[in-house]
């Protein structure tokens, strides 16, 4: 187990950078349909 742990490297995240903070800041409640408004621009 120690050998496997010492050789382990975390993988790159699947989500683009900045997506999760935007999602967390802008997601609507489940009562409103849990929608994520489109970005303007």
Protein backbone atom coordinates (compact mmCIF):
# COMPACT_ATOMS: atom_id res chain seq x y z
CA UNK A 1 0.00 0.00 0.00
CA UNK A 2 2.82 2.41 0.85
CA UNK A 3 4.47 1.79 -2.52
CA UNK A 4 1.23 2.39 -4.41
CA UNK A 5 0.56 5.56 -2.46
CA UNK A 6 4.06 6.88 -3.10
CA UNK A 7 3.66 6.28 -6.87
CA UNK A 8 0.19 7.83 -7.11
CA UNK A 9 -0.21 11.11 -9.01
CA UNK A 10 -3.48 13.04 -9.12
CA UNK A 11 -5.05 13.36 -12.56
CA UNK A 12 -6.04 16.57 -14.30
CA UNK A 13 -9.63 17.69 -13.60
CA UNK A 14 -12.20 17.04 -16.35
CA UNK A 15 -13.88 20.42 -15.96
CA UNK A 16 -12.49 23.56 -17.58
CA UNK A 17 -10.87 26.05 -15.19
CA UNK A 18 -13.30 28.56 -13.76
CA UNK A 19 -16.44 26.52 -14.46
CA UNK A 20 -17.05 25.21 -10.94
CA UNK A 21 -16.68 28.61 -9.20
CA UNK A 22 -19.09 30.12 -11.77
CA UNK A 23 -21.52 27.26 -11.24
CA UNK A 24 -21.39 27.60 -7.46
CA UNK A 25 -21.92 31.36 -7.60
CA UNK A 26 -24.77 31.40 -10.14
CA UNK A 27 -26.75 28.18 -9.86
CA UNK A 28 -30.41 28.72 -9.04
CA UNK A 29 -32.20 26.78 -6.32
CA UNK A 30 -33.99 23.53 -7.05
CA UNK A 31 -37.30 25.36 -6.53
CA UNK A 32 -36.42 27.53 -9.55
CA UNK A 33 -35.27 24.59 -11.67
CA UNK A 34 -31.57 24.63 -10.70
CA UNK A 35 -30.67 26.46 -13.90
CA UNK A 36 -27.38 28.10 -14.76
CA UNK A 37 -27.92 31.38 -16.67
CA UNK A 38 -26.09 31.75 -19.98
CA UNK A 39 -22.99 33.94 -20.05
CA UNK A 40 -23.41 37.20 -21.87
CA UNK A 41 -20.79 38.22 -24.34
